[in-house]
Protein backbone atom coordinates (compact mmCIF):
# COMPACT_ATOMS: atom_id res chain seq x y z
CA MET A 1 66.17 -4.04 23.40
CA ASN A 2 66.05 -3.58 19.63
CA LEU A 3 64.49 -6.08 17.20
CA LYS A 4 67.81 -7.62 16.20
CA ASP A 5 68.81 -8.22 19.82
CA LEU A 6 65.38 -9.62 20.65
CA ALA A 7 65.51 -12.11 17.78
CA GLU A 8 69.09 -13.14 18.52
CA SER A 9 68.36 -13.70 22.22
CA ARG A 10 65.30 -15.92 21.78
CA ILE A 11 65.59 -17.69 18.41
CA VAL A 12 67.82 -20.72 17.76
CA ILE A 13 68.38 -23.14 14.89
CA ASP A 14 69.46 -26.72 15.52
CA ALA A 15 69.66 -29.31 12.75
CA ASP A 16 68.47 -32.00 15.17
CA VAL A 17 65.41 -30.14 16.49
CA CYS A 18 62.28 -29.22 14.47
CA SER A 19 63.99 -30.29 11.23
CA GLY A 20 66.41 -27.38 11.52
CA LYS A 21 63.69 -24.72 11.51
CA ALA A 22 64.17 -21.52 13.46
CA ARG A 23 62.49 -22.01 16.83
CA ILE A 24 62.06 -20.39 20.20
CA ARG A 25 65.02 -21.13 22.48
CA GLY A 26 64.28 -23.86 25.02
CA THR A 27 61.18 -25.09 23.16
CA ARG A 28 60.19 -27.12 20.14
CA VAL A 29 57.98 -24.33 18.82
CA PRO A 30 59.05 -23.20 15.34
CA VAL A 31 58.87 -19.51 14.52
CA SER A 32 56.76 -20.48 11.50
CA ASP A 33 54.05 -21.94 13.77
CA ILE A 34 53.78 -18.66 15.66
CA LEU A 35 53.65 -16.64 12.43
CA LEU A 36 50.99 -18.95 10.99
CA ALA A 37 48.86 -18.61 14.12
CA LEU A 38 49.11 -14.81 13.90
CA ALA A 39 48.31 -14.85 10.18
CA GLU A 40 45.24 -16.96 10.90
CA GLY A 41 44.03 -14.31 13.34
CA MET A 42 44.91 -15.88 16.67
CA SER A 43 45.40 -13.42 19.49
CA HIS A 44 48.60 -13.38 21.53
CA GLN A 45 46.60 -14.80 24.46
CA ASP A 46 45.31 -17.68 22.33
CA ILE A 47 48.83 -18.47 21.11
CA LEU A 48 50.15 -18.49 24.68
CA ARG A 49 47.29 -20.83 25.69
CA ASN A 50 47.99 -23.21 22.78
CA PHE A 51 51.79 -23.15 23.19
CA ARG A 52 52.18 -23.27 26.96
CA SER A 53 55.98 -23.17 26.84
CA LEU A 54 55.94 -19.70 25.24
CA GLN A 55 56.21 -16.33 26.94
CA PRO A 56 54.84 -13.05 25.51
CA LYS A 57 58.38 -11.98 24.49
CA ASP A 58 58.64 -15.13 22.34
CA ILE A 59 55.83 -13.91 20.09
CA GLN A 60 57.58 -10.56 19.76
CA ALA A 61 60.84 -12.37 18.99
CA ALA A 62 59.17 -14.40 16.23
CA LEU A 63 57.91 -11.19 14.64
CA ALA A 64 61.29 -9.53 15.10
CA TYR A 65 63.00 -12.50 13.44
CA CYS A 66 60.59 -12.31 10.50
CA PHE A 67 61.21 -8.58 10.10
CA CYS A 68 64.98 -8.98 10.26
CA ILE A 69 64.97 -11.78 7.69
CA THR A 70 62.75 -9.92 5.25
CA ASP A 71 64.58 -6.61 5.74
CA GLY A 72 68.04 -8.11 5.21
CA VAL A 73 69.29 -7.57 8.76
CA ASN A 74 72.34 -9.76 9.44
CA LEU A 75 71.39 -11.90 12.46
CA ARG A 76 73.73 -13.99 14.59
CA ILE A 77 71.38 -16.83 15.46
CA SER A 78 72.76 -19.65 17.55
CA SER A 79 72.83 -22.73 15.34
CA SER A 80 74.25 -26.21 15.22
CA PHE A 81 74.52 -27.90 11.87
CA SER A 82 76.83 -30.81 11.23
């Protein structure tokens, strides 16, 4: 699975959940929380312990999403905005 597919399969945006922030599908964990934890030096294991609803692929998806956004990759993220 390439980075674009990984991000598209696990990241969603819903105006009514997490203030419309990109989040991991099926959770209330924003991508930004995962990226902040990584930036602060948390290990993947620590993140999975602190966010029990996450799976290892969710951390990879958050990073893939970040890469795609910053590299200008056109993502088709499931979203619901009124």
